[in-house]
Amino acid sequence: MNEKTTRPGRRNLREDCVAEGLRIVSERGVEALSLREVARRLGVSHQAPYKHFASRDHILAEMVRQSYASFAQFLEQRPMTQQPAEDLGAMGEAYLEYAFAHPLQYRLMFGTPLPPPEDHPAMMEEARYAFGLLQQGISDVHAMRGEPDAASRTDFDAMFILSVLHGLATIMQSSVLGTLDLAPGAIERMPGETLTRISWMLGLDDHGEPAS
């Protein structure tokens, strides 16, 4: 079968493989991902994907890389006010919005065993870039507060915030949440309340100003 004419109007086989890989993971989980299965579903020879990906790890790494790139782009597209506290809060909202709107990509980034990072530098470059956006946002808040030891705290604060947001995004997509005995409206208030508490942790009041 001629792989160039199998999917008319599509961009190229490399991107077809990535798109089909995403569908496989979405439908059957990452355990079902293989280049042979990608080829079978695309209707090409089982060797065709190997022209673009040396192994299953390589196509998975590309899927993760694209997910991080999409995630970072989504964070960067949030409205910016040049007010560090407001901009960091908007980043937190964008983080949660992306997690809820793109659960497959979010799971690939944060819930999937990654291929060896040292073998896939492009994947990790995108991951570091996305994390760097959070670090910069926190650093701007520290600078606004005039804290002399801000640099030593930024990484810890970034990991803390990432852990809190990841935990919230995960539990809010879990079926168990609906079985808990929570007050009416508690689930809907969780994102806003969580971001408010992150602001307190950073030494800000409810209006995003340095707490006295």
N, C-alpha and C. Protein backbone atom coordinates (compact mmCIF):
# COMPACT_ATOMS: atom_id res chain seq x y z
N MET A 1 0.84 -1.19 0.00
CA MET A 1 0.00 0.00 0.00
C MET A 1 0.88 1.24 0.00
N ASN A 2 0.54 2.22 -0.78
CA ASN A 2 1.32 3.44 -0.88
C ASN A 2 1.01 4.33 0.30
N GLU A 3 1.98 4.51 1.21
CA GLU A 3 1.73 5.28 2.42
C GLU A 3 1.49 6.75 2.13
N LYS A 4 1.94 7.24 0.96
CA LYS A 4 1.74 8.65 0.65
C LYS A 4 0.30 8.95 0.24
N THR A 5 -0.41 7.93 -0.18
CA THR A 5 -1.78 8.18 -0.62
C THR A 5 -2.81 7.59 0.34
N THR A 6 -2.35 7.03 1.45
CA THR A 6 -3.28 6.40 2.39
C THR A 6 -4.21 7.40 3.03
N ARG A 7 -3.66 8.54 3.42
CA ARG A 7 -4.44 9.57 4.09
C ARG A 7 -4.35 10.87 3.31
N PRO A 8 -5.14 11.03 2.24
CA PRO A 8 -5.03 12.24 1.42
C PRO A 8 -5.37 13.48 2.23
N GLY A 9 -4.65 14.55 1.94
CA GLY A 9 -4.91 15.82 2.59
C GLY A 9 -4.24 15.98 3.94
N ARG A 10 -3.58 14.92 4.45
CA ARG A 10 -2.87 15.03 5.73
C ARG A 10 -1.49 15.62 5.50
N ARG A 11 -0.87 16.12 6.56
CA ARG A 11 0.38 16.86 6.41
C ARG A 11 1.55 15.96 6.02
N ASN A 12 1.87 14.99 6.85
CA ASN A 12 2.98 14.09 6.54
C ASN A 12 2.90 12.88 7.46
N LEU A 13 3.66 11.86 7.16
CA LEU A 13 3.58 10.61 7.92
C LEU A 13 4.03 10.80 9.36
N ARG A 14 5.04 11.62 9.57
CA ARG A 14 5.51 11.84 10.94
C ARG A 14 4.39 12.37 11.83
N GLU A 15 3.70 13.40 11.38
CA GLU A 15 2.62 13.96 12.19
C GLU A 15 1.43 13.02 12.26
N ASP A 16 1.22 12.25 11.19
CA ASP A 16 0.16 11.24 11.24
C ASP A 16 0.44 10.22 12.34
N CYS A 17 1.71 9.83 12.46
CA CYS A 17 2.08 8.86 13.48
C CYS A 17 1.83 9.42 14.88
N VAL A 18 2.20 10.67 15.09
CA VAL A 18 1.99 11.29 16.40
C VAL A 18 0.50 11.37 16.72
N ALA A 19 -0.29 11.81 15.74
CA ALA A 19 -1.73 11.93 15.96
C ALA A 19 -2.35 10.57 16.26
N GLU A 20 -1.91 9.55 15.54
CA GLU A 20 -2.46 8.21 15.77
C GLU A 20 -2.00 7.67 17.12
N GLY A 21 -0.77 7.99 17.49
CA GLY A 21 -0.28 7.59 18.80
C GLY A 21 -1.11 8.19 19.92
N LEU A 22 -1.48 9.45 19.77
CA LEU A 22 -2.33 10.10 20.76
C LEU A 22 -3.69 9.42 20.85
N ARG A 23 -4.23 9.02 19.70
CA ARG A 23 -5.52 8.34 19.71
C ARG A 23 -5.42 6.99 20.43
N ILE A 24 -4.32 6.29 20.20
CA ILE A 24 -4.14 4.99 20.85
C ILE A 24 -4.08 5.16 22.37
N VAL A 25 -3.31 6.14 22.83
CA VAL A 25 -3.18 6.37 24.27
C VAL A 25 -4.52 6.81 24.85
N SER A 26 -5.24 7.64 24.12
CA SER A 26 -6.54 8.10 24.60
C SER A 26 -7.53 6.95 24.75
N GLU A 27 -7.50 6.03 23.78
CA GLU A 27 -8.47 4.93 23.77
C GLU A 27 -8.07 3.75 24.64
N ARG A 28 -6.76 3.46 24.69
CA ARG A 28 -6.34 2.19 25.30
C ARG A 28 -5.23 2.33 26.35
N GLY A 29 -4.77 3.55 26.54
CA GLY A 29 -3.70 3.76 27.51
C GLY A 29 -2.33 3.70 26.87
N VAL A 30 -1.33 4.25 27.57
CA VAL A 30 0.02 4.32 27.02
C VAL A 30 0.63 2.94 26.84
N GLU A 31 0.16 1.96 27.60
CA GLU A 31 0.70 0.61 27.48
C GLU A 31 0.45 0.01 26.10
N ALA A 32 -0.59 0.47 25.42
CA ALA A 32 -0.94 -0.07 24.10
C ALA A 32 -0.16 0.58 22.97
N LEU A 33 0.61 1.61 23.27
CA LEU A 33 1.33 2.33 22.23
C LEU A 33 2.49 1.51 21.69
N SER A 34 2.53 1.35 20.39
CA SER A 34 3.67 0.73 19.72
C SER A 34 3.71 1.24 18.29
N LEU A 35 4.89 1.24 17.69
CA LEU A 35 4.99 1.69 16.31
C LEU A 35 4.27 0.73 15.37
N ARG A 36 4.26 -0.54 15.69
CA ARG A 36 3.54 -1.50 14.86
C ARG A 36 2.04 -1.21 14.87
N GLU A 37 1.50 -0.88 16.05
CA GLU A 37 0.07 -0.57 16.13
C GLU A 37 -0.25 0.74 15.42
N VAL A 38 0.65 1.71 15.53
CA VAL A 38 0.48 2.97 14.80
C VAL A 38 0.41 2.69 13.30
N ALA A 39 1.35 1.87 12.81
CA ALA A 39 1.38 1.55 11.38
C ALA A 39 0.12 0.82 10.96
N ARG A 40 -0.30 -0.15 11.76
CA ARG A 40 -1.50 -0.91 11.41
C ARG A 40 -2.72 -0.01 11.29
N ARG A 41 -2.86 0.91 12.22
CA ARG A 41 -4.03 1.79 12.21
C ARG A 41 -3.97 2.82 11.10
N LEU A 42 -2.76 3.19 10.70
CA LEU A 42 -2.62 4.14 9.59
C LEU A 42 -2.72 3.45 8.22
N GLY A 43 -2.60 2.13 8.22
CA GLY A 43 -2.66 1.41 6.96
C GLY A 43 -1.39 1.50 6.15
N VAL A 44 -0.24 1.60 6.86
CA VAL A 44 1.06 1.66 6.17
C VAL A 44 1.88 0.44 6.58
N SER A 45 3.00 0.24 5.94
CA SER A 45 3.85 -0.89 6.29
C SER A 45 4.35 -0.74 7.72
N HIS A 46 4.62 -1.85 8.37
CA HIS A 46 5.01 -1.77 9.77
C HIS A 46 6.37 -1.11 9.95
N GLN A 47 7.15 -0.99 8.87
CA GLN A 47 8.44 -0.32 8.94
C GLN A 47 8.34 1.18 8.69
N ALA A 48 7.23 1.64 8.15
CA ALA A 48 7.12 3.05 7.76
C ALA A 48 7.35 4.02 8.92
N PRO A 49 6.76 3.81 10.10
CA PRO A 49 7.01 4.77 11.19
C PRO A 49 8.46 4.86 11.61
N TYR A 50 9.23 3.78 11.37
CA TYR A 50 10.63 3.79 11.78
C TYR A 50 11.47 4.76 10.95
N LYS A 51 10.92 5.26 9.87
CA LYS A 51 11.62 6.29 9.09
C LYS A 51 11.69 7.60 9.88
N HIS A 52 10.78 7.75 10.83
CA HIS A 52 10.71 9.00 11.60
C HIS A 52 10.99 8.82 13.08
N PHE A 53 10.78 7.60 13.60
CA PHE A 53 10.97 7.35 15.02
C PHE A 53 11.75 6.05 15.21
N ALA A 54 12.85 6.14 15.92
CA ALA A 54 13.72 4.98 16.08
C ALA A 54 13.09 3.90 16.95
N SER A 55 12.17 4.28 17.82
CA SER A 55 11.58 3.32 18.74
C SER A 55 10.27 3.88 19.29
N ARG A 56 9.58 3.04 20.05
CA ARG A 56 8.37 3.49 20.74
C ARG A 56 8.68 4.67 21.66
N ASP A 57 9.81 4.60 22.36
CA ASP A 57 10.18 5.71 23.25
C ASP A 57 10.28 7.03 22.50
N HIS A 58 10.75 6.97 21.27
CA HIS A 58 10.94 8.20 20.51
C HIS A 58 9.61 8.83 20.11
N ILE A 59 8.62 8.04 19.74
CA ILE A 59 7.34 8.64 19.40
C ILE A 59 6.64 9.12 20.67
N LEU A 60 6.79 8.39 21.78
CA LEU A 60 6.22 8.85 23.03
C LEU A 60 6.86 10.16 23.47
N ALA A 61 8.17 10.26 23.33
CA ALA A 61 8.87 11.50 23.69
C ALA A 61 8.37 12.67 22.85
N GLU A 62 8.10 12.43 21.58
CA GLU A 62 7.59 13.50 20.73
C GLU A 62 6.18 13.90 21.15
N MET A 63 5.36 12.94 21.53
CA MET A 63 4.02 13.24 22.01
C MET A 63 4.08 14.08 23.29
N VAL A 64 4.99 13.73 24.18
CA VAL A 64 5.15 14.49 25.42
C VAL A 64 5.71 15.88 25.12
N ARG A 65 6.68 15.95 24.21
CA ARG A 65 7.26 17.25 23.85
C ARG A 65 6.19 18.19 23.32
N GLN A 66 5.37 17.69 22.42
CA GLN A 66 4.31 18.52 21.86
C GLN A 66 3.30 18.94 22.92
N SER A 67 3.06 18.06 23.88
CA SER A 67 2.13 18.40 24.96
C SER A 67 2.68 19.54 25.81
N TYR A 68 3.96 19.48 26.16
CA TYR A 68 4.57 20.56 26.93
C TYR A 68 4.59 21.86 26.14
N ALA A 69 4.86 21.77 24.85
CA ALA A 69 4.87 22.98 24.02
C ALA A 69 3.49 23.61 23.97
N SER A 70 2.46 22.78 23.82
CA SER A 70 1.09 23.27 23.80
C SER A 70 0.71 23.88 25.15
N PHE A 71 1.14 23.24 26.22
CA PHE A 71 0.86 23.72 27.57
C PHE A 71 1.51 25.09 27.79
N ALA A 72 2.78 25.22 27.43
CA ALA A 72 3.48 26.49 27.61
C ALA A 72 2.83 27.59 26.78
N GLN A 73 2.46 27.27 25.56
CA GLN A 73 1.81 28.26 24.70
C GLN A 73 0.49 28.71 25.33
N PHE A 74 -0.26 27.79 25.90
CA PHE A 74 -1.53 28.13 26.54
C PHE A 74 -1.29 29.07 27.72
N LEU A 75 -0.27 28.80 28.51
CA LEU A 75 0.04 29.67 29.64
C LEU A 75 0.44 31.06 29.17
N GLU A 76 1.20 31.12 28.09
CA GLU A 76 1.68 32.42 27.60
C GLU A 76 0.57 33.24 26.96
N GLN A 77 -0.49 32.60 26.55
CA GLN A 77 -1.58 33.33 25.90
C GLN A 77 -2.57 33.94 26.89
N ARG A 78 -2.36 33.73 28.18
CA ARG A 78 -3.26 34.31 29.17
C ARG A 78 -3.13 35.83 29.15
N PRO A 79 -4.18 36.56 29.51
CA PRO A 79 -4.09 38.03 29.56
C PRO A 79 -3.03 38.46 30.57
N MET A 80 -2.24 39.44 30.20
CA MET A 80 -1.18 39.94 31.05
C MET A 80 -1.49 41.38 31.45
N THR A 81 -1.25 41.70 32.72
CA THR A 81 -1.53 43.05 33.23
C THR A 81 -0.27 43.78 33.66
N GLN A 82 0.87 43.08 33.69
CA GLN A 82 2.12 43.61 34.21
C GLN A 82 2.06 43.83 35.72
N GLN A 83 1.03 43.28 36.35
CA GLN A 83 0.95 43.25 37.81
C GLN A 83 1.32 41.83 38.25
N PRO A 84 2.49 41.65 38.87
CA PRO A 84 2.99 40.30 39.13
C PRO A 84 2.01 39.37 39.82
N ALA A 85 1.32 39.84 40.84
CA ALA A 85 0.40 38.96 41.56
C ALA A 85 -0.78 38.55 40.67
N GLU A 86 -1.33 39.50 39.93
CA GLU A 86 -2.45 39.20 39.04
C GLU A 86 -2.03 38.25 37.93
N ASP A 87 -0.84 38.49 37.38
CA ASP A 87 -0.37 37.66 36.28
C ASP A 87 -0.08 36.23 36.75
N LEU A 88 0.45 36.09 37.97
CA LEU A 88 0.70 34.75 38.50
C LEU A 88 -0.63 34.03 38.78
N GLY A 89 -1.61 34.78 39.30
CA GLY A 89 -2.92 34.19 39.52
C GLY A 89 -3.56 33.73 38.22
N ALA A 90 -3.40 34.54 37.16
CA ALA A 90 -3.94 34.16 35.86
C ALA A 90 -3.24 32.93 35.31
N MET A 91 -1.94 32.79 35.63
CA MET A 91 -1.23 31.59 35.20
C MET A 91 -1.80 30.36 35.91
N GLY A 92 -2.10 30.49 37.20
CA GLY A 92 -2.70 29.37 37.92
C GLY A 92 -4.05 28.98 37.33
N GLU A 93 -4.85 29.98 36.97
CA GLU A 93 -6.15 29.70 36.35
C GLU A 93 -5.95 29.01 35.01
N ALA A 94 -4.97 29.47 34.23
CA ALA A 94 -4.70 28.87 32.93
C ALA A 94 -4.21 27.43 33.08
N TYR A 95 -3.40 27.18 34.10
CA TYR A 95 -2.93 25.82 34.37
C TYR A 95 -4.11 24.88 34.54
N LEU A 96 -5.04 25.25 35.41
CA LEU A 96 -6.19 24.40 35.68
C LEU A 96 -7.08 24.27 34.45
N GLU A 97 -7.24 25.37 33.73
CA GLU A 97 -8.08 25.33 32.52
C GLU A 97 -7.50 24.37 31.50
N TYR A 98 -6.18 24.39 31.33
CA TYR A 98 -5.55 23.48 30.38
C TYR A 98 -5.73 22.03 30.83
N ALA A 99 -5.54 21.79 32.12
CA ALA A 99 -5.67 20.42 32.64
C ALA A 99 -7.06 19.86 32.38
N PHE A 100 -8.09 20.69 32.54
CA PHE A 100 -9.46 20.22 32.36
C PHE A 100 -9.83 20.12 30.88
N ALA A 101 -9.27 21.01 30.06
CA ALA A 101 -9.63 21.03 28.63
C ALA A 101 -8.83 20.03 27.81
N HIS A 102 -7.64 19.65 28.29
CA HIS A 102 -6.76 18.74 27.54
C HIS A 102 -6.27 17.63 28.45
N PRO A 103 -7.16 16.78 28.92
CA PRO A 103 -6.76 15.75 29.90
C PRO A 103 -5.74 14.76 29.36
N LEU A 104 -5.79 14.44 28.07
CA LEU A 104 -4.82 13.50 27.51
C LEU A 104 -3.41 14.08 27.56
N GLN A 105 -3.25 15.31 27.07
CA GLN A 105 -1.94 15.94 27.08
C GLN A 105 -1.45 16.15 28.52
N TYR A 106 -2.37 16.50 29.40
CA TYR A 106 -1.99 16.70 30.80
C TYR A 106 -1.50 15.38 31.42
N ARG A 107 -2.17 14.30 31.09
CA ARG A 107 -1.77 13.01 31.61
C ARG A 107 -0.40 12.59 31.06
N LEU A 108 -0.15 12.90 29.80
CA LEU A 108 1.15 12.57 29.22
C LEU A 108 2.27 13.33 29.92
N MET A 109 2.02 14.59 30.27
CA MET A 109 3.05 15.40 30.91
C MET A 109 3.32 14.99 32.34
N PHE A 110 2.25 14.71 33.08
CA PHE A 110 2.39 14.57 34.53
C PHE A 110 1.97 13.21 35.10
N GLY A 111 1.42 12.35 34.26
CA GLY A 111 0.96 11.08 34.79
C GLY A 111 1.47 9.87 34.04
N THR A 112 2.46 10.06 33.19
CA THR A 112 2.98 8.97 32.37
C THR A 112 4.47 8.77 32.64
N PRO A 113 4.93 7.54 32.85
CA PRO A 113 6.38 7.32 32.95
C PRO A 113 7.07 7.78 31.66
N LEU A 114 7.98 8.72 31.78
CA LEU A 114 8.61 9.31 30.61
C LEU A 114 9.76 8.44 30.11
N PRO A 115 10.03 8.51 28.81
CA PRO A 115 11.25 7.89 28.30
C PRO A 115 12.46 8.52 28.98
N PRO A 116 13.62 7.86 28.98
CA PRO A 116 14.79 8.41 29.66
C PRO A 116 15.09 9.85 29.22
N PRO A 117 15.02 10.81 30.13
CA PRO A 117 15.20 12.22 29.75
C PRO A 117 16.51 12.49 29.05
N GLU A 118 17.58 11.78 29.46
CA GLU A 118 18.88 12.05 28.84
C GLU A 118 18.92 11.65 27.37
N ASP A 119 18.00 10.79 26.97
CA ASP A 119 17.96 10.36 25.57
C ASP A 119 17.04 11.23 24.71
N HIS A 120 16.31 12.12 25.34
CA HIS A 120 15.32 12.92 24.60
C HIS A 120 15.37 14.37 25.07
N PRO A 121 16.46 15.06 24.74
CA PRO A 121 16.65 16.43 25.24
C PRO A 121 15.57 17.41 24.78
N ALA A 122 15.01 17.22 23.59
CA ALA A 122 13.98 18.15 23.12
C ALA A 122 12.74 18.08 24.00
N MET A 123 12.39 16.88 24.43
CA MET A 123 11.25 16.72 25.34
C MET A 123 11.48 17.50 26.62
N MET A 124 12.67 17.37 27.20
CA MET A 124 12.96 18.01 28.46
C MET A 124 13.13 19.52 28.31
N GLU A 125 13.58 19.96 27.14
CA GLU A 125 13.70 21.39 26.90
C GLU A 125 12.34 22.07 26.99
N GLU A 126 11.33 21.43 26.41
CA GLU A 126 9.97 21.99 26.49
C GLU A 126 9.45 21.95 27.92
N ALA A 127 9.75 20.87 28.64
CA ALA A 127 9.31 20.77 30.03
C ALA A 127 9.95 21.86 30.88
N ARG A 128 11.25 22.08 30.68
CA ARG A 128 11.94 23.12 31.46
C ARG A 128 11.42 24.50 31.12
N TYR A 129 11.08 24.70 29.86
CA TYR A 129 10.56 26.01 29.46
C TYR A 129 9.23 26.29 30.16
N ALA A 130 8.34 25.30 30.17
CA ALA A 130 7.05 25.48 30.83
C ALA A 130 7.23 25.75 32.32
N PHE A 131 8.13 25.00 32.97
CA PHE A 131 8.38 25.21 34.39
C PHE A 131 9.01 26.58 34.62
N GLY A 132 9.82 27.02 33.67
CA GLY A 132 10.46 28.32 33.79
C GLY A 132 9.46 29.47 33.81
N LEU A 133 8.32 29.30 33.14
CA LEU A 133 7.30 30.34 33.18
C LEU A 133 6.78 30.53 34.59
N LEU A 134 6.58 29.43 35.31
CA LEU A 134 6.14 29.51 36.69
C LEU A 134 7.22 30.13 37.56
N GLN A 135 8.46 29.71 37.37
CA GLN A 135 9.56 30.28 38.15
C GLN A 135 9.65 31.79 37.95
N GLN A 136 9.50 32.24 36.71
CA GLN A 136 9.60 33.67 36.44
C GLN A 136 8.45 34.43 37.08
N GLY A 137 7.25 33.86 37.02
CA GLY A 137 6.11 34.52 37.63
C GLY A 137 6.29 34.67 39.14
N ILE A 138 6.82 33.66 39.78
CA ILE A 138 7.07 33.72 41.22
C ILE A 138 8.18 34.72 41.53
N SER A 139 9.22 34.68 40.72
CA SER A 139 10.33 35.61 40.91
C SER A 139 9.86 37.05 40.81
N ASP A 140 8.93 37.33 39.89
CA ASP A 140 8.39 38.69 39.75
C ASP A 140 7.63 39.11 41.00
N VAL A 141 6.89 38.16 41.60
CA VAL A 141 6.17 38.46 42.84
C VAL A 141 7.15 38.75 43.97
N HIS A 142 8.20 37.94 44.08
CA HIS A 142 9.21 38.18 45.11
C HIS A 142 9.85 39.56 44.92
N ALA A 143 10.16 39.90 43.67
CA ALA A 143 10.78 41.19 43.40
C ALA A 143 9.85 42.33 43.78
N MET A 144 8.55 42.16 43.52
CA MET A 144 7.57 43.19 43.88
C MET A 144 7.56 43.42 45.39
N ARG A 145 7.76 42.34 46.13
CA ARG A 145 7.76 42.45 47.58
C ARG A 145 9.11 42.91 48.14
N GLY A 146 10.11 42.98 47.27
CA GLY A 146 11.42 43.44 47.71
C GLY A 146 12.11 42.51 48.67
N GLU A 147 11.94 41.21 48.48
CA GLU A 147 12.53 40.23 49.39
C GLU A 147 14.00 39.98 49.02
N PRO A 148 14.91 40.15 49.95
CA PRO A 148 16.34 39.97 49.63
C PRO A 148 16.73 38.52 49.34
N ASP A 149 15.99 37.55 49.89
CA ASP A 149 16.36 36.15 49.69
C ASP A 149 15.45 35.47 48.68
N ALA A 150 14.89 36.24 47.76
CA ALA A 150 13.89 35.70 46.83
C ALA A 150 14.44 34.55 46.00
N ALA A 151 15.67 34.67 45.53
CA ALA A 151 16.22 33.65 44.64
C ALA A 151 16.26 32.28 45.31
N SER A 152 16.56 32.25 46.59
CA SER A 152 16.66 30.97 47.28
C SER A 152 15.30 30.34 47.51
N ARG A 153 14.23 31.11 47.42
CA ARG A 153 12.88 30.60 47.67
C ARG A 153 12.13 30.24 46.41
N THR A 154 12.54 30.79 45.28
CA THR A 154 11.74 30.66 44.06
C THR A 154 11.51 29.21 43.67
N ASP A 155 12.56 28.40 43.66
CA ASP A 155 12.41 27.01 43.24
C ASP A 155 11.48 26.24 44.18
N PHE A 156 11.65 26.44 45.49
CA PHE A 156 10.78 25.75 46.44
C PHE A 156 9.33 26.18 46.25
N ASP A 157 9.11 27.49 46.11
CA ASP A 157 7.74 27.98 45.91
C ASP A 157 7.15 27.42 44.62
N ALA A 158 7.96 27.33 43.57
CA ALA A 158 7.47 26.81 42.29
C ALA A 158 7.06 25.35 42.43
N MET A 159 7.87 24.55 43.12
CA MET A 159 7.52 23.15 43.31
C MET A 159 6.28 22.99 44.19
N PHE A 160 6.17 23.84 45.20
CA PHE A 160 4.99 23.80 46.06
C PHE A 160 3.72 24.11 45.27
N ILE A 161 3.77 25.18 44.49
CA ILE A 161 2.59 25.59 43.71
C ILE A 161 2.25 24.51 42.68
N LEU A 162 3.28 23.98 42.00
CA LEU A 162 3.03 22.93 41.02
C LEU A 162 2.37 21.73 41.69
N SER A 163 2.85 21.36 42.86
CA SER A 163 2.29 20.21 43.57
C SER A 163 0.83 20.45 43.94
N VAL A 164 0.52 21.65 44.41
CA VAL A 164 -0.85 21.97 44.81
C VAL A 164 -1.78 21.96 43.60
N LEU A 165 -1.36 22.62 42.52
CA LEU A 165 -2.22 22.69 41.34
C LEU A 165 -2.39 21.32 40.70
N HIS A 166 -1.31 20.55 40.67
CA HIS A 166 -1.42 19.20 40.11
C HIS A 166 -2.37 18.34 40.93
N GLY A 167 -2.24 18.43 42.24
CA GLY A 167 -3.13 17.68 43.10
C GLY A 167 -4.58 18.08 42.90
N LEU A 168 -4.83 19.38 42.79
CA LEU A 168 -6.20 19.86 42.59
C LEU A 168 -6.74 19.39 41.25
N ALA A 169 -5.95 19.56 40.19
CA ALA A 169 -6.40 19.15 38.86
C ALA A 169 -6.69 17.66 38.81
N THR A 170 -5.87 16.88 39.50
CA THR A 170 -6.06 15.43 39.50
C THR A 170 -7.32 15.02 40.24
N ILE A 171 -7.50 15.57 41.43
CA ILE A 171 -8.65 15.15 42.23
C ILE A 171 -9.96 15.66 41.64
N MET A 172 -9.92 16.83 40.98
CA MET A 172 -11.15 17.35 40.39
C MET A 172 -11.58 16.56 39.17
N GLN A 173 -10.66 15.78 38.59
CA GLN A 173 -11.02 14.91 37.47
C GLN A 173 -11.25 13.47 37.91
N SER A 174 -11.23 13.26 39.21
CA SER A 174 -11.43 11.92 39.75
C SER A 174 -12.91 11.70 40.08
N SER A 175 -13.39 10.51 39.81
CA SER A 175 -14.79 10.20 40.10
C SER A 175 -15.05 10.15 41.60
N VAL A 176 -14.01 9.98 42.40
CA VAL A 176 -14.21 9.87 43.84
C VAL A 176 -14.67 11.19 44.45
N LEU A 177 -14.37 12.31 43.80
CA LEU A 177 -14.71 13.61 44.37
C LEU A 177 -16.21 13.74 44.61
N GLY A 178 -16.99 13.22 43.67
CA GLY A 178 -18.43 13.33 43.80
C GLY A 178 -19.02 12.48 44.89
N THR A 179 -18.24 11.58 45.46
CA THR A 179 -18.75 10.71 46.52
C THR A 179 -18.45 11.26 47.91
N LEU A 180 -17.67 12.35 47.99
CA LEU A 180 -17.29 12.90 49.28
C LEU A 180 -18.41 13.75 49.85
N ASP A 181 -18.48 13.81 51.16
CA ASP A 181 -19.50 14.60 51.86
C ASP A 181 -19.01 16.03 51.98
N LEU A 182 -19.22 16.82 50.93
CA LEU A 182 -18.76 18.20 50.88
C LEU A 182 -19.94 19.15 50.95
N ALA A 183 -19.69 20.34 51.45
CA ALA A 183 -20.74 21.35 51.53
C ALA A 183 -21.17 21.75 50.12
N PRO A 184 -22.41 22.17 49.95
CA PRO A 184 -22.87 22.61 48.62
C PRO A 184 -21.98 23.72 48.07
N GLY A 185 -21.59 23.58 46.81
CA GLY A 185 -20.77 24.58 46.14
C GLY A 185 -19.29 24.48 46.44
N ALA A 186 -18.89 23.53 47.30
CA ALA A 186 -17.47 23.44 47.67
C ALA A 186 -16.59 23.10 46.48
N ILE A 187 -17.06 22.18 45.64
CA ILE A 187 -16.25 21.78 44.49
C ILE A 187 -16.04 22.96 43.55
N GLU A 188 -17.10 23.72 43.31
CA GLU A 188 -16.99 24.86 42.40
C GLU A 188 -16.05 25.94 42.95
N ARG A 189 -15.97 26.04 44.27
CA ARG A 189 -15.12 27.08 44.88
C ARG A 189 -13.67 26.64 45.01
N MET A 190 -13.40 25.37 44.80
CA MET A 190 -12.05 24.86 45.06
C MET A 190 -10.95 25.58 44.28
N PRO A 191 -11.09 25.78 42.96
CA PRO A 191 -10.00 26.47 42.24
C PRO A 191 -9.70 27.86 42.79
N GLY A 192 -10.74 28.67 42.98
CA GLY A 192 -10.53 30.02 43.48
C GLY A 192 -9.96 30.04 44.88
N GLU A 193 -10.46 29.17 45.74
CA GLU A 193 -9.96 29.11 47.11
C GLU A 193 -8.50 28.65 47.14
N THR A 194 -8.18 27.71 46.28
CA THR A 194 -6.80 27.21 46.25
C THR A 194 -5.83 28.30 45.80
N LEU A 195 -6.21 29.05 44.76
CA LEU A 195 -5.34 30.13 44.28
C LEU A 195 -5.20 31.22 45.33
N THR A 196 -6.26 31.48 46.09
CA THR A 196 -6.18 32.46 47.17
C THR A 196 -5.18 32.03 48.23
N ARG A 197 -5.21 30.76 48.57
CA ARG A 197 -4.28 30.26 49.58
C ARG A 197 -2.84 30.24 49.08
N ILE A 198 -2.67 30.05 47.79
CA ILE A 198 -1.32 30.17 47.22
C ILE A 198 -0.82 31.61 47.36
N SER A 199 -1.70 32.57 47.13
CA SER A 199 -1.33 33.97 47.30
C SER A 199 -0.89 34.25 48.74
N TRP A 200 -1.63 33.69 49.71
CA TRP A 200 -1.24 33.87 51.12
C TRP A 200 0.13 33.29 51.37
N MET A 201 0.39 32.13 50.78
CA MET A 201 1.70 31.49 50.97
C MET A 201 2.82 32.39 50.46
N LEU A 202 2.53 33.14 49.40
CA LEU A 202 3.54 34.04 48.82
C LEU A 202 3.59 35.38 49.55
N GLY A 203 2.80 35.51 50.63
CA GLY A 203 2.84 36.74 51.40
C GLY A 203 1.98 37.85 50.84
N LEU A 204 0.93 37.48 50.10
CA LEU A 204 0.04 38.47 49.51
C LEU A 204 -1.31 38.44 50.20
N ASP A 205 -2.01 39.57 50.18
CA ASP A 205 -3.35 39.59 50.76
C ASP A 205 -4.38 39.22 49.69
N ASP A 206 -5.65 39.33 50.03
CA ASP A 206 -6.70 38.91 49.11
C ASP A 206 -6.78 39.79 47.86
N HIS A 207 -6.11 40.92 47.87
CA HIS A 207 -6.11 41.82 46.71
C HIS A 207 -4.81 41.76 45.92
N GLY A 208 -3.96 40.82 46.27
CA GLY A 208 -2.71 40.67 45.56
C GLY A 208 -1.63 41.65 45.96
N GLU A 209 -1.83 42.30 47.09
CA GLU A 209 -0.84 43.24 47.59
C GLU A 209 -0.03 42.58 48.70
N PRO A 210 1.20 43.04 48.94
CA PRO A 210 1.97 42.47 50.05
C PRO A 210 1.22 42.56 51.36
N ALA A 211 1.11 41.44 52.05
CA ALA A 211 0.40 41.44 53.33
C ALA A 211 1.22 42.20 54.37
N SER A 212 0.53 42.91 55.21
CA SER A 212 1.24 43.71 56.23
C SER A 212 1.68 42.81 57.38
